[in-house]
Amino acid sequence: MTGTVAAVAIGRNEGERLIRCLTTLCEQLDRVVYVDSGSTDGSVQAARELGVEVVELDTSIPFTAARARNAGFEALKKSGLPDFVQFVDGDCGVEPGWIAAALAEFGNQEGLGIVTGWRSEIHPEASIYNALTDFEWHRPAGDIAACGGDMMVRSDAFDALGGFNPSVIAAEDDEFCTRMRKAGHRIFRLPLPMTRHDAAMTRFSQWWQRAVRSGHGFAQVGDLHPDYFVTERRRVIVFGAILPAIALVALIACLPVLLIAVLALYALSYFRTVQGLRREGLGLNMALRQSVFLSLSKFPNMIGMIRYRLRKLRGSAMSIIEYK
C-alpha cells in the first residue's frame, strides 16, 4: 500500500535506549517526532542532534504516556498529517523493515485501524523480571482485542477518536484500542518482529512497582470500559483481597482447617499457572519460577487498584507510576 508514514517516540530519561530508538526510526522514516516528559539526562539534546523534531511537555501538568503520544500527533498535524503514524516507546528499537511491512498490511486487509507486531526483550536473560516481561510480549498473531504502545495507526481514525485518553496513566493503549474496536476498526498483529524492548528490570522493587501500575490500569480502564479487564480484576480481588482476608480471620480465630483451605487454593492456582505457561511453550524450570511472580503479582495489583479508587474518591490527579 502507498501512503505517508511518520513516527512519534515518547520517553523520559531513557538515555542510550532513546538514541537507539530514534536511530532505528530515522533509518526507515523521514519524519520523526520525539516527545519528552521532563527528562534530566540530556535526552532532548541527544534527539535534536539526531535531527529529530522535539516536543517538550509542560512540566506543570502530570505526565502520562497518553498525553505524550497525543502531543506528538498534534506536532505532526501542524506540518501536514501523514496517512499513518507509528507510535514507539523510547526504550524500544524498531526492527529493520517493520515500517514497510506494517504499511503493506493496511493495503492487504479491509477495516484495519491498527497494525502491530511482536515486541521482545533485548536481555531476557539478565533477570527473572526481564524474562517475565519478554514472555508477556509473546502473544498470538491475527485479529486481537488490544496491543501495547508500539503500533502503527491510521491517522484519520486516531484523529476521529481524539487520540489517547490523557488521564489514563497505565494501560492507556488498552483503553485506546477498546475505543478503536468499538468505532468499528480492526486491530491486527503481524507475526513479525516489530520492536526490541529494554525493560532494564534488575530489582524486585522495580517489578513490584510495575505490577502496582498494572493494577491501577485494571481499575481505571475497567471504570471506563466495564467489559474490559473483567477476568484480571476478578482474579486480583479474589487472590489479592478476599483470600488474604479469610486467612487473617482464620489466624485470629484459630481455624487451622480454614487456613489450610486458603493455602490449598493458592497452591492450586500456582500449579495451574505453571501448566498454562508450559502449554504456551515455556520450559519447566522457567515456568516454575515465573509462576511464583505471577501468583505474587495479585498483591501489588490490588494495591494499584486501591490506589486508583482512593485517587478517584479524593479527586486527585492520576500521576504516573514509574518503575525505572
C-alpha atoms as a PDB file:
ATOM      1  CA  MET A   1       0.000   0.000   0.000  1.00  0.00           C
ATOM      2  CA  THR A   2       1.190   3.518  -0.720  1.00  0.00           C
ATOM      3  CA  GLY A   3       0.814   6.155   1.952  1.00  0.00           C
ATOM      4  CA  THR A   4       2.844   8.506   4.086  1.00  0.00           C
ATOM      5  CA  VAL A   5       4.134   7.417   7.489  1.00  0.00           C
ATOM      6  CA  ALA A   6       5.701   9.395  10.317  1.00  0.00           C
ATOM      7  CA  ALA A   7       6.711   8.322  13.799  1.00  0.00           C
ATOM      8  CA  VAL A   8       6.124   9.560  17.321  1.00  0.00           C
ATOM      9  CA  ALA A   9       8.520   8.349  20.010  1.00  0.00           C
ATOM     10  CA  ILE A  10       7.969   9.174  23.665  1.00  0.00           C
ATOM     11  CA  GLY A  11      10.331   8.969  26.595  1.00  0.00           C
ATOM     12  CA  ARG A  12      11.640  10.155  29.930  1.00  0.00           C
ATOM     13  CA  ASN A  13      15.292   9.701  30.912  1.00  0.00           C
ATOM     14  CA  GLU A  14      15.834   6.797  28.514  1.00  0.00           C
ATOM     15  CA  GLY A  15      19.458   7.691  27.734  1.00  0.00           C
ATOM     16  CA  GLU A  16      21.140   5.326  25.277  1.00  0.00           C
ATOM     17  CA  ARG A  17      17.865   3.455  24.798  1.00  0.00           C
ATOM     18  CA  LEU A  18      16.338   6.599  23.297  1.00  0.00           C
ATOM     19  CA  ILE A  19      19.247   7.111  20.900  1.00  0.00           C
ATOM     20  CA  ARG A  20      18.823   3.515  19.712  1.00  0.00           C
ATOM     21  CA  CYS A  21      15.081   4.057  19.302  1.00  0.00           C
ATOM     22  CA  LEU A  22      15.392   7.262  17.290  1.00  0.00           C
ATOM     23  CA  THR A  23      18.224   5.914  15.145  1.00  0.00           C
ATOM     24  CA  THR A  24      16.181   2.872  14.109  1.00  0.00           C
ATOM     25  CA  LEU A  25      13.260   5.143  13.239  1.00  0.00           C
ATOM     26  CA  CYS A  26      15.345   7.618  11.242  1.00  0.00           C
ATOM     27  CA  GLU A  27      16.722   4.731   9.202  1.00  0.00           C
ATOM     28  CA  GLN A  28      13.192   3.972   7.978  1.00  0.00           C
ATOM     29  CA  LEU A  29      11.370   7.302   8.036  1.00  0.00           C
ATOM     30  CA  ASP A  30      11.943  10.941   7.108  1.00  0.00           C
ATOM     31  CA  ARG A  31       9.630  12.391   9.764  1.00  0.00           C
ATOM     32  CA  VAL A  32      10.173  11.559  13.418  1.00  0.00           C
ATOM     33  CA  VAL A  33       8.888  13.476  16.441  1.00  0.00           C
ATOM     34  CA  TYR A  34      10.238  12.852  19.923  1.00  0.00           C
ATOM     35  CA  VAL A  35       8.084  13.910  22.890  1.00  0.00           C
ATOM     36  CA  ASP A  36       9.986  14.340  26.140  1.00  0.00           C
ATOM     37  CA  SER A  37       8.365  14.140  29.561  1.00  0.00           C
ATOM     38  CA  GLY A  38      10.732  16.125  31.742  1.00  0.00           C
ATOM     39  CA  SER A  39      14.000  14.255  31.145  1.00  0.00           C
ATOM     40  CA  THR A  40      17.093  15.388  33.022  1.00  0.00           C
ATOM     41  CA  ASP A  41      19.615  13.101  31.317  1.00  0.00           C
ATOM     42  CA  GLY A  42      20.263  15.020  28.100  1.00  0.00           C
ATOM     43  CA  SER A  43      17.631  13.169  26.072  1.00  0.00           C
ATOM     44  CA  VAL A  44      16.297  16.354  24.475  1.00  0.00           C
ATOM     45  CA  GLN A  45      19.713  17.468  23.238  1.00  0.00           C
ATOM     46  CA  ALA A  46      20.551  13.966  22.009  1.00  0.00           C
ATOM     47  CA  ALA A  47      17.326  13.840  19.993  1.00  0.00           C
ATOM     48  CA  ARG A  48      17.974  17.238  18.430  1.00  0.00           C
ATOM     49  CA  GLU A  49      21.485  16.187  17.469  1.00  0.00           C
ATOM     50  CA  LEU A  50      19.936  13.323  15.520  1.00  0.00           C
ATOM     51  CA  GLY A  51      17.848  15.817  13.564  1.00  0.00           C
ATOM     52  CA  VAL A  52      14.583  14.789  15.217  1.00  0.00           C
ATOM     53  CA  GLU A  53      11.809  17.274  15.981  1.00  0.00           C
ATOM     54  CA  VAL A  54      11.412  17.575  19.762  1.00  0.00           C
ATOM     55  CA  VAL A  55       8.330  18.441  21.779  1.00  0.00           C
ATOM     56  CA  GLU A  56       8.891  19.154  25.472  1.00  0.00           C
ATOM     57  CA  LEU A  57       5.809  18.684  27.621  1.00  0.00           C
ATOM     58  CA  ASP A  58       4.772  21.311  30.141  1.00  0.00           C
ATOM     59  CA  THR A  59       6.128  20.074  33.478  1.00  0.00           C
ATOM     60  CA  SER A  60       3.312  21.723  35.450  1.00  0.00           C
ATOM     61  CA  ILE A  61       0.828  19.146  34.125  1.00  0.00           C
ATOM     62  CA  PRO A  62       1.095  15.473  35.206  1.00  0.00           C
ATOM     63  CA  PHE A  63       2.952  13.344  32.677  1.00  0.00           C
ATOM     64  CA  THR A  64       1.267  10.369  31.047  1.00  0.00           C
ATOM     65  CA  ALA A  65       2.248   8.277  28.033  1.00  0.00           C
ATOM     66  CA  ALA A  66      -1.153   9.081  26.545  1.00  0.00           C
ATOM     67  CA  ARG A  67      -0.580  12.820  26.837  1.00  0.00           C
ATOM     68  CA  ALA A  68       2.866  12.469  25.259  1.00  0.00           C
ATOM     69  CA  ARG A  69       1.617  10.479  22.269  1.00  0.00           C
ATOM     70  CA  ASN A  70      -1.189  12.979  21.687  1.00  0.00           C
ATOM     71  CA  ALA A  71       1.310  15.852  21.754  1.00  0.00           C
ATOM     72  CA  GLY A  72       3.433  14.102  19.134  1.00  0.00           C
ATOM     73  CA  PHE A  73       0.412  13.568  16.915  1.00  0.00           C
ATOM     74  CA  GLU A  74      -0.525  17.253  17.201  1.00  0.00           C
ATOM     75  CA  ALA A  75       3.013  18.232  16.214  1.00  0.00           C
ATOM     76  CA  LEU A  76       2.690  16.130  13.071  1.00  0.00           C
ATOM     77  CA  LYS A  77      -0.641  17.777  12.242  1.00  0.00           C
ATOM     78  CA  LYS A  78       0.972  21.216  12.215  1.00  0.00           C
ATOM     79  CA  SER A  79       3.301  20.274   9.370  1.00  0.00           C
ATOM     80  CA  GLY A  80       0.891  18.076   7.412  1.00  0.00           C
ATOM     81  CA  LEU A  81      -0.610  14.931   8.870  1.00  0.00           C
ATOM     82  CA  PRO A  82       0.680  11.667   7.362  1.00  0.00           C
ATOM     83  CA  ASP A  83      -1.672   8.831   6.451  1.00  0.00           C
ATOM     84  CA  PHE A  84      -0.269   6.644   9.230  1.00  0.00           C
ATOM     85  CA  VAL A  85       1.607   7.201  12.476  1.00  0.00           C
ATOM     86  CA  GLN A  86       3.985   4.717  14.070  1.00  0.00           C
ATOM     87  CA  PHE A  87       3.999   5.133  17.840  1.00  0.00           C
ATOM     88  CA  VAL A  88       7.037   3.809  19.695  1.00  0.00           C
ATOM     89  CA  ASP A  89       8.150   3.901  23.312  1.00  0.00           C
ATOM     90  CA  GLY A  90      11.580   5.427  23.794  1.00  0.00           C
ATOM     91  CA  ASP A  91      13.044   2.265  25.311  1.00  0.00           C
ATOM     92  CA  CYS A  92      12.330   0.284  22.109  1.00  0.00           C
ATOM     93  CA  GLY A  93      14.333  -0.081  18.912  1.00  0.00           C
ATOM     94  CA  VAL A  94      12.324  -0.641  15.726  1.00  0.00           C
ATOM     95  CA  GLU A  95      13.238  -3.700  13.684  1.00  0.00           C
ATOM     96  CA  PRO A  96      14.512  -3.138  10.104  1.00  0.00           C
ATOM     97  CA  GLY A  97      11.710  -3.464   7.571  1.00  0.00           C
ATOM     98  CA  TRP A  98       8.922  -3.144  10.112  1.00  0.00           C
ATOM     99  CA  ILE A  99       7.538   0.156   8.807  1.00  0.00           C
ATOM    100  CA  ALA A 100       7.230  -1.170   5.242  1.00  0.00           C
ATOM    101  CA  ALA A 101       5.630  -4.423   6.430  1.00  0.00           C
ATOM    102  CA  ALA A 102       3.027  -2.665   8.601  1.00  0.00           C
ATOM    103  CA  LEU A 103       2.171  -0.195   5.853  1.00  0.00           C
ATOM    104  CA  ALA A 104       1.728  -3.026   3.342  1.00  0.00           C
ATOM    105  CA  GLU A 105      -0.691  -4.804   5.694  1.00  0.00           C
ATOM    106  CA  PHE A 106      -3.042  -1.835   5.701  1.00  0.00           C
ATOM    107  CA  GLY A 107      -3.347  -2.351   1.959  1.00  0.00           C
ATOM    108  CA  ASN A 108      -3.823  -6.109   2.260  1.00  0.00           C
ATOM    109  CA  GLN A 109      -6.824  -6.042   4.595  1.00  0.00           C
ATOM    110  CA  GLU A 110     -10.013  -4.019   4.915  1.00  0.00           C
ATOM    111  CA  GLY A 111     -11.064  -2.169   8.032  1.00  0.00           C
ATOM    112  CA  LEU A 112      -7.705  -2.022   9.806  1.00  0.00           C
ATOM    113  CA  GLY A 113      -7.249   0.790  12.282  1.00  0.00           C
ATOM    114  CA  ILE A 114      -4.085  -0.514  13.958  1.00  0.00           C
ATOM    115  CA  VAL A 115      -1.294  -2.837  12.877  1.00  0.00           C
ATOM    116  CA  THR A 116       1.195  -4.103  15.435  1.00  0.00           C
ATOM    117  CA  GLY A 117       3.769  -6.879  15.654  1.00  0.00           C
ATOM    118  CA  TRP A 118       5.906  -8.762  18.126  1.00  0.00           C
ATOM    119  CA  ARG A 119       7.915  -6.981  20.787  1.00  0.00           C
ATOM    120  CA  SER A 120      10.755  -8.802  22.526  1.00  0.00           C
ATOM    121  CA  GLU A 121      13.291  -8.072  25.242  1.00  0.00           C
ATOM    122  CA  ILE A 122      16.913  -7.303  24.369  1.00  0.00           C
ATOM    123  CA  HIS A 123      18.235  -9.002  27.501  1.00  0.00           C
ATOM    124  CA  PRO A 124      15.680 -11.552  28.757  1.00  0.00           C
ATOM    125  CA  GLU A 125      18.498 -13.482  30.423  1.00  0.00           C
ATOM    126  CA  ALA A 126      19.573 -10.527  32.571  1.00  0.00           C
ATOM    127  CA  SER A 127      16.958 -11.123  35.285  1.00  0.00           C
ATOM    128  CA  ILE A 128      13.822 -13.081  36.045  1.00  0.00           C
ATOM    129  CA  TYR A 129      11.945  -9.791  35.740  1.00  0.00           C
ATOM    130  CA  ASN A 130      13.168  -9.249  32.183  1.00  0.00           C
ATOM    131  CA  ALA A 131      12.281 -12.860  31.389  1.00  0.00           C
ATOM    132  CA  LEU A 132       8.757 -12.299  32.716  1.00  0.00           C
ATOM    133  CA  THR A 133       8.387  -9.229  30.536  1.00  0.00           C
ATOM    134  CA  ASP A 134       9.751 -10.993  27.467  1.00  0.00           C
ATOM    135  CA  PHE A 135       7.235 -13.815  27.808  1.00  0.00           C
ATOM    136  CA  GLU A 136       4.473 -11.264  28.381  1.00  0.00           C
ATOM    137  CA  TRP A 137       5.139  -9.790  24.927  1.00  0.00           C
ATOM    138  CA  HIS A 138       4.678 -13.103  23.081  1.00  0.00           C
ATOM    139  CA  ARG A 139       1.030 -13.090  22.067  1.00  0.00           C
ATOM    140  CA  PRO A 140      -0.811 -14.706  19.134  1.00  0.00           C
ATOM    141  CA  ALA A 141      -0.860 -13.032  15.730  1.00  0.00           C
ATOM    142  CA  GLY A 142      -4.043 -12.166  13.856  1.00  0.00           C
ATOM    143  CA  ASP A 143      -7.053 -10.109  14.918  1.00  0.00           C
ATOM    144  CA  ILE A 144      -6.638  -9.026  18.546  1.00  0.00           C
ATOM    145  CA  ALA A 145      -8.536  -7.015  21.145  1.00  0.00           C
ATOM    146  CA  ALA A 146      -5.680  -4.689  22.103  1.00  0.00           C
ATOM    147  CA  CYS A 147      -1.937  -4.143  21.882  1.00  0.00           C
ATOM    148  CA  GLY A 148       0.835  -2.218  23.580  1.00  0.00           C
ATOM    149  CA  GLY A 149       2.034   1.279  22.804  1.00  0.00           C
ATOM    150  CA  ASP A 150       4.163   0.227  19.825  1.00  0.00           C
ATOM    151  CA  MET A 151       1.653   0.386  16.976  1.00  0.00           C
ATOM    152  CA  MET A 152       1.033   1.844  13.532  1.00  0.00           C
ATOM    153  CA  VAL A 153      -2.283   3.704  13.480  1.00  0.00           C
ATOM    154  CA  ARG A 154      -4.440   5.084  10.701  1.00  0.00           C
ATOM    155  CA  SER A 155      -4.263   8.836  11.260  1.00  0.00           C
ATOM    156  CA  ASP A 156      -7.855   9.694  10.361  1.00  0.00           C
ATOM    157  CA  ALA A 157      -9.155   7.054  12.772  1.00  0.00           C
ATOM    158  CA  PHE A 158      -6.874   8.304  15.539  1.00  0.00           C
ATOM    159  CA  ASP A 159      -7.996  11.887  14.943  1.00  0.00           C
ATOM    160  CA  ALA A 160     -11.681  10.950  14.915  1.00  0.00           C
ATOM    161  CA  LEU A 161     -11.348   9.222  18.288  1.00  0.00           C
ATOM    162  CA  GLY A 162      -9.499  12.157  19.830  1.00  0.00           C
ATOM    163  CA  GLY A 163      -6.374  10.093  20.395  1.00  0.00           C
ATOM    164  CA  PHE A 164      -5.391   8.562  23.718  1.00  0.00           C
ATOM    165  CA  ASN A 165      -7.129   9.456  26.943  1.00  0.00           C
ATOM    166  CA  PRO A 166      -4.519  11.627  28.731  1.00  0.00           C
ATOM    167  CA  SER A 167      -5.968  10.907  32.166  1.00  0.00           C
ATOM    168  CA  VAL A 168      -5.258   7.162  31.912  1.00  0.00           C
ATOM    169  CA  ILE A 169      -1.830   6.567  33.455  1.00  0.00           C
ATOM    170  CA  ALA A 170      -1.497   2.813  32.804  1.00  0.00           C
ATOM    171  CA  ALA A 171      -2.951   0.542  30.117  1.00  0.00           C
ATOM    172  CA  GLU A 172      -3.769   3.663  28.108  1.00  0.00           C
ATOM    173  CA  ASP A 173      -3.058   1.600  24.997  1.00  0.00           C
ATOM    174  CA  ASP A 174      -5.715  -0.955  26.001  1.00  0.00           C
ATOM    175  CA  GLU A 175      -8.188   1.863  26.583  1.00  0.00           C
ATOM    176  CA  PHE A 176      -7.443   3.406  23.180  1.00  0.00           C
ATOM    177  CA  CYS A 177      -7.696   0.034  21.422  1.00  0.00           C
ATOM    178  CA  THR A 178     -11.056  -0.609  23.081  1.00  0.00           C
ATOM    179  CA  ARG A 179     -12.434   2.634  21.675  1.00  0.00           C
ATOM    180  CA  MET A 180     -10.897   1.841  18.292  1.00  0.00           C
ATOM    181  CA  ARG A 181     -12.697  -1.522  18.158  1.00  0.00           C
ATOM    182  CA  LYS A 182     -15.977  -0.005  19.325  1.00  0.00           C
ATOM    183  CA  ALA A 183     -15.678   2.510  16.474  1.00  0.00           C
ATOM    184  CA  GLY A 184     -15.596  -0.399  14.022  1.00  0.00           C
ATOM    185  CA  HIS A 185     -11.872  -0.648  13.311  1.00  0.00           C
ATOM    186  CA  ARG A 186      -9.878  -3.873  13.443  1.00  0.00           C
ATOM    187  CA  ILE A 187      -6.593  -4.368  15.288  1.00  0.00           C
ATOM    188  CA  PHE A 188      -4.182  -6.824  13.696  1.00  0.00           C
ATOM    189  CA  ARG A 189      -0.903  -8.307  14.909  1.00  0.00           C
ATOM    190  CA  LEU A 190       1.546  -9.410  12.237  1.00  0.00           C
ATOM    191  CA  PRO A 191       3.688 -12.469  13.050  1.00  0.00           C
ATOM    192  CA  LEU A 192       6.797 -10.353  12.594  1.00  0.00           C
ATOM    193  CA  PRO A 193       9.386  -8.797  14.917  1.00  0.00           C
ATOM    194  CA  MET A 194       8.432  -5.165  15.452  1.00  0.00           C
ATOM    195  CA  THR A 195      10.450  -3.718  18.324  1.00  0.00           C
ATOM    196  CA  ARG A 196      13.173  -4.724  20.760  1.00  0.00           C
ATOM    197  CA  HIS A 197      12.422  -3.514  24.264  1.00  0.00           C
ATOM    198  CA  ASP A 198      14.782  -2.880  27.153  1.00  0.00           C
ATOM    199  CA  ALA A 199      12.875  -3.324  30.419  1.00  0.00           C
ATOM    200  CA  ALA A 200      16.119  -2.976  32.404  1.00  0.00           C
ATOM    201  CA  MET A 201      14.489  -4.521  35.481  1.00  0.00           C
ATOM    202  CA  THR A 202      17.035  -5.977  37.846  1.00  0.00           C
ATOM    203  CA  ARG A 203      15.397  -5.361  41.237  1.00  0.00           C
ATOM    204  CA  PHE A 204      12.337  -6.776  42.937  1.00  0.00           C
ATOM    205  CA  SER A 205      11.165  -3.248  43.760  1.00  0.00           C
ATOM    206  CA  GLN A 206      11.014  -2.384  40.043  1.00  0.00           C
ATOM    207  CA  TRP A 207       8.898  -5.424  39.286  1.00  0.00           C
ATOM    208  CA  TRP A 208       6.619  -4.611  42.245  1.00  0.00           C
ATOM    209  CA  GLN A 209       6.051  -1.036  41.085  1.00  0.00           C
ATOM    210  CA  ARG A 210       5.300  -2.235  37.552  1.00  0.00           C
ATOM    211  CA  ALA A 211       2.698  -4.638  38.981  1.00  0.00           C
ATOM    212  CA  VAL A 212       1.176  -1.800  41.051  1.00  0.00           C
ATOM    213  CA  ARG A 213       0.891   0.228  37.857  1.00  0.00           C
ATOM    214  CA  SER A 214      -0.819  -2.689  36.095  1.00  0.00           C
ATOM    215  CA  GLY A 215      -3.388  -2.915  38.887  1.00  0.00           C
ATOM    216  CA  HIS A 216      -4.063   0.803  38.570  1.00  0.00           C
ATOM    217  CA  GLY A 217      -4.675   0.230  34.862  1.00  0.00           C
ATOM    218  CA  PHE A 218      -7.059  -2.678  35.522  1.00  0.00           C
ATOM    219  CA  ALA A 219      -9.179  -0.450  37.734  1.00  0.00           C
ATOM    220  CA  GLN A 220      -9.085   2.768  35.714  1.00  0.00           C
ATOM    221  CA  VAL A 221      -9.680   1.210  32.302  1.00  0.00           C
ATOM    222  CA  GLY A 222     -12.301  -1.064  33.866  1.00  0.00           C
ATOM    223  CA  ASP A 223     -14.089   2.047  35.103  1.00  0.00           C
ATOM    224  CA  LEU A 224     -14.161   3.484  31.581  1.00  0.00           C
ATOM    225  CA  HIS A 225     -14.968   0.158  29.886  1.00  0.00           C
ATOM    226  CA  PRO A 226     -16.654  -2.252  32.346  1.00  0.00           C
ATOM    227  CA  ASP A 227     -16.483  -5.077  29.799  1.00  0.00           C
ATOM    228  CA  TYR A 228     -12.673  -4.939  29.665  1.00  0.00           C
ATOM    229  CA  PHE A 229     -10.134  -6.420  32.153  1.00  0.00           C
ATOM    230  CA  VAL A 230     -13.034  -8.298  33.787  1.00  0.00           C
ATOM    231  CA  THR A 231     -11.054 -11.512  34.358  1.00  0.00           C
ATOM    232  CA  GLU A 232      -7.973  -9.623  35.534  1.00  0.00           C
ATOM    233  CA  ARG A 233      -9.923  -7.613  38.108  1.00  0.00           C
ATOM    234  CA  ARG A 234     -11.747 -10.689  39.380  1.00  0.00           C
ATOM    235  CA  ARG A 235      -8.503 -12.609  39.914  1.00  0.00           C
ATOM    236  CA  VAL A 236      -6.913  -9.706  41.759  1.00  0.00           C
ATOM    237  CA  ILE A 237      -9.912  -9.274  44.051  1.00  0.00           C
ATOM    238  CA  VAL A 238     -10.057 -12.992  44.866  1.00  0.00           C
ATOM    239  CA  PHE A 239      -6.334 -13.683  45.337  1.00  0.00           C
ATOM    240  CA  GLY A 240      -5.228 -10.219  46.432  1.00  0.00           C
ATOM    241  CA  ALA A 241      -8.046  -9.325  48.830  1.00  0.00           C
ATOM    242  CA  ILE A 242     -10.700 -11.952  49.610  1.00  0.00           C
ATOM    243  CA  LEU A 243      -8.432 -14.928  50.298  1.00  0.00           C
ATOM    244  CA  PRO A 244      -5.940 -12.889  52.388  1.00  0.00           C
ATOM    245  CA  ALA A 245      -8.859 -11.549  54.438  1.00  0.00           C
ATOM    246  CA  ILE A 246     -10.157 -15.089  55.028  1.00  0.00           C
ATOM    247  CA  ALA A 247      -6.647 -16.231  56.007  1.00  0.00           C
ATOM    248  CA  LEU A 248      -6.382 -13.379  58.512  1.00  0.00           C
ATOM    249  CA  VAL A 249      -9.733 -14.331  60.060  1.00  0.00           C
ATOM    250  CA  ALA A 250      -8.585 -17.949  60.236  1.00  0.00           C
ATOM    251  CA  LEU A 251      -5.424 -16.933  62.075  1.00  0.00           C
ATOM    252  CA  ILE A 252      -7.237 -14.662  64.543  1.00  0.00           C
ATOM    253  CA  ALA A 253      -9.999 -17.178  65.183  1.00  0.00           C
ATOM    254  CA  CYS A 254      -7.594 -20.133  65.343  1.00  0.00           C
ATOM    255  CA  LEU A 255      -9.287 -22.018  62.484  1.00  0.00           C
ATOM    256  CA  PRO A 256      -6.478 -24.136  61.017  1.00  0.00           C
ATOM    257  CA  VAL A 257      -8.750 -26.012  58.613  1.00  0.00           C
ATOM    258  CA  LEU A 258      -9.875 -22.748  57.023  1.00  0.00           C
ATOM    259  CA  LEU A 259      -6.296 -21.513  56.785  1.00  0.00           C
ATOM    260  CA  ILE A 260      -5.196 -24.762  55.124  1.00  0.00           C
ATOM    261  CA  ALA A 261      -8.058 -24.441  52.644  1.00  0.00           C
ATOM    262  CA  VAL A 262      -6.922 -20.941  51.689  1.00  0.00           C
ATOM    263  CA  LEU A 263      -3.332 -22.096  51.253  1.00  0.00           C
ATOM    264  CA  ALA A 264      -4.553 -25.002  49.143  1.00  0.00           C
ATOM    265  CA  LEU A 265      -6.360 -22.610  46.815  1.00  0.00           C
ATOM    266  CA  TYR A 266      -3.169 -20.591  46.364  1.00  0.00           C
ATOM    267  CA  ALA A 267      -1.222 -23.787  45.667  1.00  0.00           C
ATOM    268  CA  LEU A 268      -3.833 -24.918  43.139  1.00  0.00           C
ATOM    269  CA  SER A 269      -3.695 -21.545  41.388  1.00  0.00           C
ATOM    270  CA  TYR A 270       0.102 -21.719  41.292  1.00  0.00           C
ATOM    271  CA  PHE A 271       0.225 -25.154  39.681  1.00  0.00           C
ATOM    272  CA  ARG A 272      -2.491 -24.199  37.182  1.00  0.00           C
ATOM    273  CA  THR A 273      -0.344 -21.209  36.228  1.00  0.00           C
ATOM    274  CA  VAL A 274       2.656 -23.498  35.749  1.00  0.00           C
ATOM    275  CA  GLN A 275       0.608 -25.765  33.491  1.00  0.00           C
ATOM    276  CA  GLY A 276      -0.609 -22.774  31.480  1.00  0.00           C
ATOM    277  CA  LEU A 277       2.913 -21.483  30.930  1.00  0.00           C
ATOM    278  CA  ARG A 278       4.066 -24.959  29.919  1.00  0.00           C
ATOM    279  CA  ARG A 279       1.279 -25.173  27.335  1.00  0.00           C
ATOM    280  CA  GLU A 280       2.470 -21.859  25.924  1.00  0.00           C
ATOM    281  CA  GLY A 281       5.931 -23.335  25.386  1.00  0.00           C
ATOM    282  CA  LEU A 282       7.866 -22.280  28.478  1.00  0.00           C
ATOM    283  CA  GLY A 283      10.359 -24.766  29.946  1.00  0.00           C
ATOM    284  CA  LEU A 284       9.556 -26.374  33.293  1.00  0.00           C
ATOM    285  CA  ASN A 285      12.205 -24.560  35.340  1.00  0.00           C
ATOM    286  CA  MET A 286      11.280 -21.138  33.973  1.00  0.00           C
ATOM    287  CA  ALA A 287       7.560 -21.897  34.284  1.00  0.00           C
ATOM    288  CA  LEU A 288       8.027 -22.760  37.963  1.00  0.00           C
ATOM    289  CA  ARG A 289       9.958 -19.542  38.588  1.00  0.00           C
ATOM    290  CA  GLN A 290       7.683 -17.222  36.626  1.00  0.00           C
ATOM    291  CA  SER A 291       4.563 -18.672  38.258  1.00  0.00           C
ATOM    292  CA  VAL A 292       5.849 -17.511  41.640  1.00  0.00           C
ATOM    293  CA  PHE A 293       5.831 -13.910  40.469  1.00  0.00           C
ATOM    294  CA  LEU A 294       2.570 -14.218  38.544  1.00  0.00           C
ATOM    295  CA  SER A 295       0.932 -15.543  41.707  1.00  0.00           C
ATOM    296  CA  LEU A 296       2.533 -12.880  43.882  1.00  0.00           C
ATOM    297  CA  SER A 297       1.564 -10.104  41.434  1.00  0.00           C
ATOM    298  CA  LYS A 298      -2.039 -10.111  42.682  1.00  0.00           C
ATOM    299  CA  PHE A 299      -0.921  -8.261  45.835  1.00  0.00           C
ATOM    300  CA  PRO A 300       0.742  -5.244  44.135  1.00  0.00           C
ATOM    301  CA  ASN A 301      -2.089  -5.339  41.575  1.00  0.00           C
ATOM    302  CA  MET A 302      -4.542  -4.965  44.454  1.00  0.00           C
ATOM    303  CA  ILE A 303      -2.550  -2.035  45.830  1.00  0.00           C
ATOM    304  CA  GLY A 304      -2.738  -0.383  42.399  1.00  0.00           C
ATOM    305  CA  MET A 305      -6.491  -0.904  42.179  1.00  0.00           C
ATOM    306  CA  ILE A 306      -6.981   0.550  45.660  1.00  0.00           C
ATOM    307  CA  ARG A 307      -4.716   3.477  44.821  1.00  0.00           C
ATOM    308  CA  TYR A 308      -6.883   4.285  41.809  1.00  0.00           C
ATOM    309  CA  ARG A 309     -10.079   4.158  43.877  1.00  0.00           C
ATOM    310  CA  LEU A 310      -8.608   6.446  46.536  1.00  0.00           C
ATOM    311  CA  ARG A 311      -7.381   8.898  43.914  1.00  0.00           C
ATOM    312  CA  LYS A 312     -10.797   8.974  42.278  1.00  0.00           C
ATOM    313  CA  LEU A 313     -12.560   9.404  45.627  1.00  0.00           C
ATOM    314  CA  ARG A 314     -10.305  12.316  46.574  1.00  0.00           C
ATOM    315  CA  GLY A 315     -10.350  13.843  43.091  1.00  0.00           C
ATOM    316  CA  SER A 316      -6.561  13.623  42.989  1.00  0.00           C
ATOM    317  CA  ALA A 317      -4.530  13.844  39.786  1.00  0.00           C
ATOM    318  CA  MET A 318      -3.725  10.492  38.181  1.00  0.00           C
ATOM    319  CA  SER A 319       0.068  10.816  38.235  1.00  0.00           C
ATOM    320  CA  ILE A 320       2.269   8.212  36.599  1.00  0.00           C
ATOM    321  CA  ILE A 321       3.723   5.246  38.482  1.00  0.00           C
ATOM    322  CA  GLU A 322       7.333   4.774  37.362  1.00  0.00           C
ATOM    323  CA  TYR A 323       9.291   1.565  37.815  1.00  0.00           C
ATOM    324  CA  LYS A 324      12.688   2.549  36.399  1.00  0.00           C
END
